[in-house]
């Protein structure tokens, strides 16, 4: 997911259920250079007003904030959506990003 070898403005949508966290995090530590590269490449391959949806397995608020701020810095707008926020077992976090 880091070096996405597609032409510019190719996709309307990009979805990831479990690849995202493996590309950017090791043992709960964010690889910022990998995340910057991913955000840059996603921005490049998305069409105008394109959307990315990632299921994110990190639960630390500081890690989520780091991820979010890098994508905002690269030109996205977005938000986190939390499904089943009260359940530790069924809780799912999604990062939804829109190309500006």
PDB file of N, CA and C in Angstrom:
ATOM      1  N   UNK A   1       0.809  -1.200   0.000  1.00  0.00           N
ATOM      2  CA  UNK A   1       0.000   0.000   0.000  1.00  0.00           C
ATOM      3  C   UNK A   1       0.848   1.258   0.000  1.00  0.00           C
ATOM      4  N   UNK A   2       2.151   1.121   0.025  1.00  0.00           N
ATOM      5  CA  UNK A   2       2.982   2.315   0.091  1.00  0.00           C
ATOM      6  C   UNK A   2       3.306   2.854  -1.295  1.00  0.00           C
ATOM      7  N   UNK A   3       3.780   2.004  -2.182  1.00  0.00           N
ATOM      8  CA  UNK A   3       4.125   2.423  -3.540  1.00  0.00           C
ATOM      9  C   UNK A   3       3.048   1.924  -4.494  1.00  0.00           C
ATOM     10  N   UNK A   4       2.024   2.693  -4.635  1.00  0.00           N
ATOM     11  CA  UNK A   4       0.880   2.307  -5.463  1.00  0.00           C
ATOM     12  C   UNK A   4       1.162   2.694  -6.904  1.00  0.00           C
ATOM     13  N   UNK A   5       1.454   1.703  -7.724  1.00  0.00           N
ATOM     14  CA  UNK A   5       1.893   1.925  -9.098  1.00  0.00           C
ATOM     15  C   UNK A   5       0.712   2.041 -10.062  1.00  0.00           C
ATOM     16  N   UNK A   6      -0.105   3.038  -9.835  1.00  0.00           N
ATOM     17  CA  UNK A   6      -1.248   3.307 -10.699  1.00  0.00           C
ATOM     18  C   UNK A   6      -1.115   4.729 -11.230  1.00  0.00           C
ATOM     19  N   UNK A   7      -1.775   4.985 -12.352  1.00  0.00           N
ATOM     20  CA  UNK A   7      -1.757   6.329 -12.931  1.00  0.00           C
ATOM     21  C   UNK A   7      -2.473   7.315 -12.008  1.00  0.00           C
ATOM     22  N   UNK A   8      -2.151   8.579 -12.180  1.00  0.00           N
ATOM     23  CA  UNK A   8      -2.849   9.639 -11.439  1.00  0.00           C
ATOM     24  C   UNK A   8      -4.338   9.601 -11.751  1.00  0.00           C
ATOM     25  N   UNK A   9      -5.137   9.972 -10.755  1.00  0.00           N
ATOM     26  CA  UNK A   9      -6.587  10.128 -10.937  1.00  0.00           C
ATOM     27  C   UNK A   9      -7.244   8.874 -11.515  1.00  0.00           C
ATOM     28  N   UNK A  10      -6.915   7.712 -10.985  1.00  0.00           N
ATOM     29  CA  UNK A  10      -7.434   6.445 -11.497  1.00  0.00           C
ATOM     30  C   UNK A  10      -8.684   5.969 -10.763  1.00  0.00           C
ATOM     31  N   UNK A  11      -8.729   6.127  -9.448  1.00  0.00           N
ATOM     32  CA  UNK A  11      -9.784   5.503  -8.643  1.00  0.00           C
ATOM     33  C   UNK A  11     -10.726   6.524  -8.008  1.00  0.00           C
ATOM     34  N   UNK A  12     -12.000   6.144  -7.942  1.00  0.00           N
ATOM     35  CA  UNK A  12     -12.980   6.929  -7.197  1.00  0.00           C
ATOM     36  C   UNK A  12     -12.917   6.585  -5.712  1.00  0.00           C
ATOM     37  N   UNK A  13     -12.652   5.312  -5.409  1.00  0.00           N
ATOM     38  CA  UNK A  13     -12.653   4.818  -4.032  1.00  0.00           C
ATOM     39  C   UNK A  13     -11.493   3.864  -3.794  1.00  0.00           C
ATOM     40  N   UNK A  14     -10.967   3.884  -2.574  1.00  0.00           N
ATOM     41  CA  UNK A  14      -9.981   2.907  -2.119  1.00  0.00           C
ATOM     42  C   UNK A  14     -10.458   2.411  -0.757  1.00  0.00           C
ATOM     43  N   UNK A  15     -10.535   1.082  -0.595  1.00  0.00           N
ATOM     44  CA  UNK A  15     -10.971   0.470   0.660  1.00  0.00           C
ATOM     45  C   UNK A  15      -9.881  -0.460   1.179  1.00  0.00           C
ATOM     46  N   UNK A  16      -9.713  -0.499   2.482  1.00  0.00           N
ATOM     47  CA  UNK A  16      -8.789  -1.445   3.102  1.00  0.00           C
ATOM     48  C   UNK A  16      -9.383  -1.921   4.417  1.00  0.00           C
ATOM     49  N   UNK A  17      -9.474  -3.232   4.570  1.00  0.00           N
ATOM     50  CA  UNK A  17     -10.010  -3.780   5.812  1.00  0.00           C
ATOM     51  C   UNK A  17      -8.883  -4.143   6.776  1.00  0.00           C
ATOM     52  N   UNK A  18      -7.809  -4.717   6.296  1.00  0.00           N
ATOM     53  CA  UNK A  18      -6.771  -5.114   7.254  1.00  0.00           C
ATOM     54  C   UNK A  18      -5.344  -4.827   6.800  1.00  0.00           C
ATOM     55  N   UNK A  19      -5.147  -4.240   5.663  1.00  0.00           N
ATOM     56  CA  UNK A  19      -3.786  -3.976   5.182  1.00  0.00           C
ATOM     57  C   UNK A  19      -3.193  -2.696   5.759  1.00  0.00           C
ATOM     58  N   UNK A  20      -4.048  -1.741   6.061  1.00  0.00           N
ATOM     59  CA  UNK A  20      -3.604  -0.408   6.473  1.00  0.00           C
ATOM     60  C   UNK A  20      -2.631  -0.453   7.655  1.00  0.00           C
ATOM     61  N   UNK A  21      -3.019  -1.115   8.734  1.00  0.00           N
ATOM     62  CA  UNK A  21      -2.199  -1.088   9.942  1.00  0.00           C
ATOM     63  C   UNK A  21      -0.859  -1.774   9.743  1.00  0.00           C
ATOM     64  N   UNK A  22      -0.785  -2.773   8.875  1.00  0.00           N
ATOM     65  CA  UNK A  22       0.484  -3.464   8.643  1.00  0.00           C
ATOM     66  C   UNK A  22       1.444  -2.588   7.851  1.00  0.00           C
ATOM     67  N   UNK A  23       0.909  -1.704   7.056  1.00  0.00           N
ATOM     68  CA  UNK A  23       1.750  -0.835   6.234  1.00  0.00           C
ATOM     69  C   UNK A  23       2.359   0.308   7.033  1.00  0.00           C
ATOM     70  N   UNK A  24       1.703   0.701   8.119  1.00  0.00           N
ATOM     71  CA  UNK A  24       2.154   1.918   8.794  1.00  0.00           C
ATOM     72  C   UNK A  24       2.573   1.738  10.241  1.00  0.00           C
ATOM     73  N   UNK A  25       2.373   0.571  10.829  1.00  0.00           N
ATOM     74  CA  UNK A  25       2.624   0.426  12.259  1.00  0.00           C
ATOM     75  C   UNK A  25       3.325  -0.893  12.563  1.00  0.00           C
ATOM     76  N   UNK A  26       4.292  -0.817  13.460  1.00  0.00           N
ATOM     77  CA  UNK A  26       4.953  -2.014  13.962  1.00  0.00           C
ATOM     78  C   UNK A  26       4.969  -1.929  15.481  1.00  0.00           C
ATOM     79  N   UNK A  27       4.390  -2.904  16.115  1.00  0.00           N
ATOM     80  CA  UNK A  27       4.354  -2.953  17.581  1.00  0.00           C
ATOM     81  C   UNK A  27       3.770  -1.677  18.189  1.00  0.00           C
ATOM     82  N   UNK A  28       2.745  -1.122  17.536  1.00  0.00           N
ATOM     83  CA  UNK A  28       2.077   0.061  18.068  1.00  0.00           C
ATOM     84  C   UNK A  28       2.811   1.366  17.841  1.00  0.00           C
ATOM     85  N   UNK A  29       3.889   1.337  17.068  1.00  0.00           N
ATOM     86  CA  UNK A  29       4.651   2.554  16.771  1.00  0.00           C
ATOM     87  C   UNK A  29       4.409   2.917  15.317  1.00  0.00           C
ATOM     88  N   UNK A  30       3.963   4.146  15.086  1.00  0.00           N
ATOM     89  CA  UNK A  30       3.657   4.606  13.734  1.00  0.00           C
ATOM     90  C   UNK A  30       4.947   4.884  12.973  1.00  0.00           C
ATOM     91  N   UNK A  31       5.054   4.344  11.765  1.00  0.00           N
ATOM     92  CA  UNK A  31       6.155   4.652  10.862  1.00  0.00           C
ATOM     93  C   UNK A  31       5.711   5.868  10.050  1.00  0.00           C
ATOM     94  N   UNK A  32       6.132   7.047  10.499  1.00  0.00           N
ATOM     95  CA  UNK A  32       5.639   8.288   9.893  1.00  0.00           C
ATOM     96  C   UNK A  32       6.040   8.433   8.435  1.00  0.00           C
ATOM     97  N   UNK A  33       7.240   8.010   8.073  1.00  0.00           N
ATOM     98  CA  UNK A  33       7.647   8.144   6.669  1.00  0.00           C
ATOM     99  C   UNK A  33       6.795   7.241   5.778  1.00  0.00           C
ATOM    100  N   UNK A  34       6.466   6.046   6.255  1.00  0.00           N
ATOM    101  CA  UNK A  34       5.592   5.146   5.492  1.00  0.00           C
ATOM    102  C   UNK A  34       4.197   5.739   5.364  1.00  0.00           C
ATOM    103  N   UNK A  35       3.713   6.333   6.424  1.00  0.00           N
ATOM    104  CA  UNK A  35       2.383   6.934   6.405  1.00  0.00           C
ATOM    105  C   UNK A  35       2.331   8.136   5.464  1.00  0.00           C
ATOM    106  N   UNK A  36       3.375   8.963   5.470  1.00  0.00           N
ATOM    107  CA  UNK A  36       3.442  10.101   4.537  1.00  0.00           C
ATOM    108  C   UNK A  36       3.437   9.604   3.094  1.00  0.00           C
ATOM    109  N   UNK A  37       4.220   8.570   2.812  1.00  0.00           N
ATOM    110  CA  UNK A  37       4.286   8.009   1.462  1.00  0.00           C
ATOM    111  C   UNK A  37       2.934   7.442   1.044  1.00  0.00           C
ATOM    112  N   UNK A  38       2.274   6.731   1.947  1.00  0.00           N
ATOM    113  CA  UNK A  38       0.961   6.176   1.644  1.00  0.00           C
ATOM    114  C   UNK A  38      -0.047   7.286   1.349  1.00  0.00           C
ATOM    115  N   UNK A  39      -0.081   8.309   2.178  1.00  0.00           N
ATOM    116  CA  UNK A  39      -1.025   9.411   1.988  1.00  0.00           C
ATOM    117  C   UNK A  39      -0.764  10.123   0.660  1.00  0.00           C
ATOM    118  N   UNK A  40       0.496  10.350   0.349  1.00  0.00           N
ATOM    119  CA  UNK A  40       0.871  11.015  -0.902  1.00  0.00           C
ATOM    120  C   UNK A  40       0.424  10.190  -2.109  1.00  0.00           C
ATOM    121  N   UNK A  41       0.676   8.886  -2.081  1.00  0.00           N
ATOM    122  CA  UNK A  41       0.297   8.026  -3.201  1.00  0.00           C
ATOM    123  C   UNK A  41      -1.212   7.868  -3.328  1.00  0.00           C
ATOM    124  N   UNK A  42      -1.910   7.761  -2.214  1.00  0.00           N
ATOM    125  CA  UNK A  42      -3.369   7.680  -2.275  1.00  0.00           C
ATOM    126  C   UNK A  42      -3.954   8.954  -2.865  1.00  0.00           C
ATOM    127  N   UNK A  43      -3.420  10.090  -2.465  1.00  0.00           N
ATOM    128  CA  UNK A  43      -3.903  11.358  -3.007  1.00  0.00           C
ATOM    129  C   UNK A  43      -3.685  11.402  -4.523  1.00  0.00           C
ATOM    130  N   UNK A  44      -2.545  10.914  -4.964  1.00  0.00           N
ATOM    131  CA  UNK A  44      -2.197  10.930  -6.388  1.00  0.00           C
ATOM    132  C   UNK A  44      -3.124  10.038  -7.209  1.00  0.00           C
ATOM    133  N   UNK A  45      -3.445   8.849  -6.727  1.00  0.00           N
ATOM    134  CA  UNK A  45      -4.221   7.908  -7.542  1.00  0.00           C
ATOM    135  C   UNK A  45      -5.734   8.116  -7.454  1.00  0.00           C
ATOM    136  N   UNK A  46      -6.189   8.862  -6.450  1.00  0.00           N
ATOM    137  CA  UNK A  46      -7.626   9.125  -6.346  1.00  0.00           C
ATOM    138  C   UNK A  46      -8.045  10.220  -7.311  1.00  0.00           C
ATOM    139  N   UNK A  47      -9.214  10.044  -7.899  1.00  0.00           N
ATOM    140  CA  UNK A  47      -9.800  11.097  -8.719  1.00  0.00           C
ATOM    141  C   UNK A  47     -10.224  12.244  -7.807  1.00  0.00           C
ATOM    142  N   UNK A  48     -10.496  13.411  -8.408  1.00  0.00           N
ATOM    143  CA  UNK A  48     -10.993  14.532  -7.619  1.00  0.00           C
ATOM    144  C   UNK A  48     -12.216  14.111  -6.831  1.00  0.00           C
ATOM    145  N   UNK A  49     -12.309  14.506  -5.592  1.00  0.00           N
ATOM    146  CA  UNK A  49     -13.413  14.134  -4.688  1.00  0.00           C
ATOM    147  C   UNK A  49     -13.427  12.638  -4.379  1.00  0.00           C
ATOM    148  N   UNK A  50     -12.320  11.935  -4.629  1.00  0.00           N
ATOM    149  CA  UNK A  50     -12.238  10.510  -4.314  1.00  0.00           C
ATOM    150  C   UNK A  50     -12.270  10.266  -2.816  1.00  0.00           C
ATOM    151  N   UNK A  51     -12.562   9.027  -2.439  1.00  0.00           N
ATOM    152  CA  UNK A  51     -12.728   8.667  -1.032  1.00  0.00           C
ATOM    153  C   UNK A  51     -11.927   7.415  -0.689  1.00  0.00           C
ATOM    154  N   UNK A  52     -11.313   7.424   0.484  1.00  0.00           N
ATOM    155  CA  UNK A  52     -10.632   6.251   1.048  1.00  0.00           C
ATOM    156  C   UNK A  52     -11.366   5.847   2.318  1.00  0.00           C
ATOM    157  N   UNK A  53     -11.513   4.550   2.522  1.00  0.00           N
ATOM    158  CA  UNK A  53     -12.083   4.037   3.767  1.00  0.00           C
ATOM    159  C   UNK A  53     -11.147   2.949   4.280  1.00  0.00           C
ATOM    160  N   UNK A  54     -10.653   3.140   5.499  1.00  0.00           N
ATOM    161  CA  UNK A  54      -9.746   2.178   6.116  1.00  0.00           C
ATOM    162  C   UNK A  54     -10.326   1.694   7.431  1.00  0.00           C
ATOM    163  N   UNK A  55     -10.293   0.398   7.648  1.00  0.00           N
ATOM    164  CA  UNK A  55     -10.563  -0.092   8.991  1.00  0.00           C
ATOM    165  C   UNK A  55      -9.234  -0.016   9.725  1.00  0.00           C
ATOM    166  N   UNK A  56      -9.241   0.644  10.868  1.00  0.00           N
ATOM    167  CA  UNK A  56      -8.023   0.898  11.633  1.00  0.00           C
ATOM    168  C   UNK A  56      -8.097   0.109  12.930  1.00  0.00           C
ATOM    169  N   UNK A  57      -7.051  -0.629  13.248  1.00  0.00           N
ATOM    170  CA  UNK A  57      -7.053  -1.457  14.445  1.00  0.00           C
ATOM    171  C   UNK A  57      -6.379  -0.795  15.638  1.00  0.00           C
ATOM    172  N   UNK A  58      -5.757   0.338  15.428  1.00  0.00           N
ATOM    173  CA  UNK A  58      -5.149   1.060  16.548  1.00  0.00           C
ATOM    174  C   UNK A  58      -6.254   1.630  17.425  1.00  0.00           C
ATOM    175  N   UNK A  59      -6.098   1.534  18.723  1.00  0.00           N
ATOM    176  CA  UNK A  59      -7.124   2.095  19.594  1.00  0.00           C
ATOM    177  C   UNK A  59      -6.607   3.255  20.432  1.00  0.00           C
ATOM    178  N   UNK A  60      -5.314   3.491  20.419  1.00  0.00           N
ATOM    179  CA  UNK A  60      -4.742   4.607  21.157  1.00  0.00           C
ATOM    180  C   UNK A  60      -5.133   5.917  20.476  1.00  0.00           C
ATOM    181  N   UNK A  61      -5.698   6.827  21.237  1.00  0.00           N
ATOM    182  CA  UNK A  61      -6.125   8.105  20.670  1.00  0.00           C
ATOM    183  C   UNK A  61      -4.948   8.882  20.090  1.00  0.00           C
ATOM    184  N   UNK A  62      -3.785   8.815  20.728  1.00  0.00           N
ATOM    185  CA  UNK A  62      -2.632   9.557  20.205  1.00  0.00           C
ATOM    186  C   UNK A  62      -2.174   8.993  18.863  1.00  0.00           C
ATOM    187  N   UNK A  63      -2.218   7.667  18.692  1.00  0.00           N
ATOM    188  CA  UNK A  63      -1.857   7.074  17.399  1.00  0.00           C
ATOM    189  C   UNK A  63      -2.879   7.438  16.330  1.00  0.00           C
ATOM    190  N   UNK A  64      -4.153   7.405  16.686  1.00  0.00           N
ATOM    191  CA  UNK A  64      -5.194   7.794  15.731  1.00  0.00           C
ATOM    192  C   UNK A  64      -5.025   9.250  15.320  1.00  0.00           C
ATOM    193  N   UNK A  65      -4.689  10.107  16.273  1.00  0.00           N
ATOM    194  CA  UNK A  65      -4.474  11.527  15.977  1.00  0.00           C
ATOM    195  C   UNK A  65      -3.293  11.728  15.032  1.00  0.00           C
ATOM    196  N   UNK A  66      -2.224  10.957  15.226  1.00  0.00           N
ATOM    197  CA  UNK A  66      -1.058  11.054  14.341  1.00  0.00           C
ATOM    198  C   UNK A  66      -1.424  10.671  12.914  1.00  0.00           C
ATOM    199  N   UNK A  67      -2.135   9.571  12.776  1.00  0.00           N
ATOM    200  CA  UNK A  67      -2.563   9.105  11.453  1.00  0.00           C
ATOM    201  C   UNK A  67      -3.425  10.169  10.787  1.00  0.00           C
ATOM    202  N   UNK A  68      -4.410  10.648  11.502  1.00  0.00           N
ATOM    203  CA  UNK A  68      -5.342  11.642  10.968  1.00  0.00           C
ATOM    204  C   UNK A  68      -4.607  12.910  10.525  1.00  0.00           C
ATOM    205  N   UNK A  69      -3.713  13.422  11.356  1.00  0.00           N
ATOM    206  CA  UNK A  69      -3.037  14.685  11.034  1.00  0.00           C
ATOM    207  C   UNK A  69      -2.168  14.573   9.784  1.00  0.00           C
ATOM    208  N   UNK A  70      -1.556  13.427   9.558  1.00  0.00           N
ATOM    209  CA  UNK A  70      -0.726  13.259   8.358  1.00  0.00           C
ATOM    210  C   UNK A  70      -1.588  13.275   7.100  1.00  0.00           C
ATOM    211  N   UNK A  71      -2.737  12.616   7.128  1.00  0.00           N
ATOM    212  CA  UNK A  71      -3.619  12.637   5.959  1.00  0.00           C
ATOM    213  C   UNK A  71      -4.190  14.036   5.715  1.00  0.00           C
ATOM    214  N   UNK A  72      -4.498  14.764   6.769  1.00  0.00           N
ATOM    215  CA  UNK A  72      -4.996  16.137   6.620  1.00  0.00           C
ATOM    216  C   UNK A  72      -3.903  17.008   6.001  1.00  0.00           C
ATOM    217  N   UNK A  73      -2.673  16.821   6.467  1.00  0.00           N
ATOM    218  CA  UNK A  73      -1.523  17.562   5.940  1.00  0.00           C
ATOM    219  C   UNK A  73      -1.325  17.310   4.442  1.00  0.00           C
ATOM    220  N   UNK A  74      -1.660  16.103   3.977  1.00  0.00           N
ATOM    221  CA  UNK A  74      -1.473  15.739   2.568  1.00  0.00           C
ATOM    222  C   UNK A  74      -2.653  16.129   1.679  1.00  0.00           C
ATOM    223  N   UNK A  75      -3.663  16.813   2.241  1.00  0.00           N
ATOM    224  CA  UNK A  75      -4.730  17.338   1.396  1.00  0.00           C
ATOM    225  C   UNK A  75      -6.070  16.641   1.507  1.00  0.00           C
ATOM    226  N   UNK A  76      -6.238  15.791   2.496  1.00  0.00           N
ATOM    227  CA  UNK A  76      -7.515  15.110   2.699  1.00  0.00           C
ATOM    228  C   UNK A  76      -8.332  15.819   3.775  1.00  0.00           C
ATOM    229  N   UNK A  77      -9.631  15.612   3.724  1.00  0.00           N
ATOM    230  CA  UNK A  77     -10.493  15.921   4.861  1.00  0.00           C
ATOM    231  C   UNK A  77     -11.062  14.583   5.308  1.00  0.00           C
ATOM    232  N   UNK A  78     -11.525  14.498   6.532  1.00  0.00           N
ATOM    233  CA  UNK A  78     -12.055  13.208   6.944  1.00  0.00           C
ATOM    234  C   UNK A  78     -12.478  13.148   8.382  1.00  0.00           C
ATOM    235  N   UNK A  79     -12.791  11.917   8.786  1.00  0.00           N
ATOM    236  CA  UNK A  79     -13.261  11.684  10.149  1.00  0.00           C
ATOM    237  C   UNK A  79     -13.122  10.206  10.486  1.00  0.00           C
ATOM    238  N   UNK A  80     -13.156   9.923  11.779  1.00  0.00           N
ATOM    239  CA  UNK A  80     -13.226   8.554  12.261  1.00  0.00           C
ATOM    240  C   UNK A  80     -14.677   8.224  12.549  1.00  0.00           C
ATOM    241  N   UNK A  81     -15.073   7.021  12.194  1.00  0.00           N
ATOM    242  CA  UNK A  81     -16.397   6.507  12.530  1.00  0.00           C
ATOM    243  C   UNK A  81     -16.167   5.252  13.359  1.00  0.00           C
ATOM    244  N   UNK A  82     -16.822   5.182  14.516  1.00  0.00           N
ATOM    245  CA  UNK A  82     -16.639   4.040  15.409  1.00  0.00           C
ATOM    246  C   UNK A  82     -17.940   3.258  15.494  1.00  0.00           C
ATOM    247  N   UNK A  83     -17.855   2.002  15.102  1.00  0.00           N
ATOM    248  CA  UNK A  83     -18.989   1.085  15.168  1.00  0.00           C
ATOM    249  C   UNK A  83     -18.881   0.296  16.477  1.00  0.00           C
ATOM    250  N   UNK A  84     -19.962   0.159  17.199  1.00  0.00           N
ATOM    251  CA  UNK A  84     -19.993  -0.529  18.499  1.00  0.00           C
ATOM    252  C   UNK A  84     -18.959   0.033  19.478  1.00  0.00           C
ATOM    253  N   UNK A  85     -18.995   1.340  19.750  1.00  0.00           N
ATOM    254  CA  UNK A  85     -17.970   1.962  20.595  1.00  0.00           C
ATOM    255  C   UNK A  85     -17.921   1.430  22.029  1.00  0.00           C
ATOM    256  N   UNK A  86     -19.012   0.886  22.525  1.00  0.00           N
ATOM    257  CA  UNK A  86     -19.053   0.405  23.913  1.00  0.00           C
ATOM    258  C   UNK A  86     -18.508  -1.013  24.073  1.00  0.00           C
ATOM    259  N   UNK A  87     -18.334  -1.724  22.987  1.00  0.00           N
ATOM    260  CA  UNK A  87     -17.913  -3.126  23.052  1.00  0.00           C
ATOM    261  C   UNK A  87     -16.430  -3.270  22.722  1.00  0.00           C
ATOM    262  N   UNK A  88     -15.659  -3.834  23.633  1.00  0.00           N
ATOM    263  CA  UNK A  88     -14.242  -4.071  23.353  1.00  0.00           C
ATOM    264  C   UNK A  88     -14.068  -5.138  22.277  1.00  0.00           C
ATOM    265  N   UNK A  89     -14.972  -6.089  22.248  1.00  0.00           N
ATOM    266  CA  UNK A  89     -14.864  -7.213  21.313  1.00  0.00           C
ATOM    267  C   UNK A  89     -15.348  -6.855  19.905  1.00  0.00           C
ATOM    268  N   UNK A  90     -16.427  -6.100  19.803  1.00  0.00           N
ATOM    269  CA  UNK A  90     -17.044  -5.810  18.504  1.00  0.00           C
ATOM    270  C   UNK A  90     -16.723  -4.415  17.970  1.00  0.00           C
ATOM    271  N   UNK A  91     -15.977  -3.633  18.714  1.00  0.00           N
ATOM    272  CA  UNK A  91     -15.655  -2.261  18.309  1.00  0.00           C
ATOM    273  C   UNK A  91     -14.832  -2.266  17.024  1.00  0.00           C
ATOM    274  N   UNK A  92     -15.241  -1.422  16.080  1.00  0.00           N
ATOM    275  CA  UNK A  92     -14.502  -1.262  14.828  1.00  0.00           C
ATOM    276  C   UNK A  92     -14.335   0.228  14.563  1.00  0.00           C
ATOM    277  N   UNK A  93     -13.125   0.604  14.160  1.00  0.00           N
ATOM    278  CA  UNK A  93     -12.812   2.003  13.873  1.00  0.00           C
ATOM    279  C   UNK A  93     -12.519   2.126  12.386  1.00  0.00           C
ATOM    280  N   UNK A  94     -13.169   3.089  11.751  1.00  0.00           N
ATOM    281  CA  UNK A  94     -12.965   3.352  10.331  1.00  0.00           C
ATOM    282  C   UNK A  94     -12.475   4.781  10.160  1.00  0.00           C
ATOM    283  N   UNK A  95     -11.492   4.956   9.313  1.00  0.00           N
ATOM    284  CA  UNK A  95     -11.037   6.283   8.920  1.00  0.00           C
ATOM    285  C   UNK A  95     -11.565   6.527   7.518  1.00  0.00           C
ATOM    286  N   UNK A  96     -12.387   7.553   7.393  1.00  0.00           N
ATOM    287  CA  UNK A  96     -12.977   7.904   6.099  1.00  0.00           C
ATOM    288  C   UNK A  96     -12.350   9.219   5.661  1.00  0.00           C
ATOM    289  N   UNK A  97     -11.715   9.197   4.497  1.00  0.00           N
ATOM    290  CA  UNK A  97     -10.978  10.355   3.980  1.00  0.00           C
ATOM    291  C   UNK A  97     -11.516  10.752   2.616  1.00  0.00           C
ATOM    292  N   UNK A  98     -11.564  12.044   2.384  1.00  0.00           N
ATOM    293  CA  UNK A  98     -12.031  12.582   1.107  1.00  0.00           C
ATOM    294  C   UNK A  98     -10.941  13.475   0.522  1.00  0.00           C
ATOM    295  N   UNK A  99     -10.660  13.284  -0.737  1.00  0.00           N
ATOM    296  CA  UNK A  99      -9.698  14.139  -1.427  1.00  0.00           C
ATOM    297  C   UNK A  99     -10.344  15.499  -1.635  1.00  0.00           C
ATOM    298  N   UNK A 100      -9.634  16.545  -1.247  1.00  0.00           N
ATOM    299  CA  UNK A 100     -10.170  17.909  -1.415  1.00  0.00           C
ATOM    300  C   UNK A 100      -9.962  18.387  -2.834  1.00  0.00           C
TER     301      UNK A 100
END
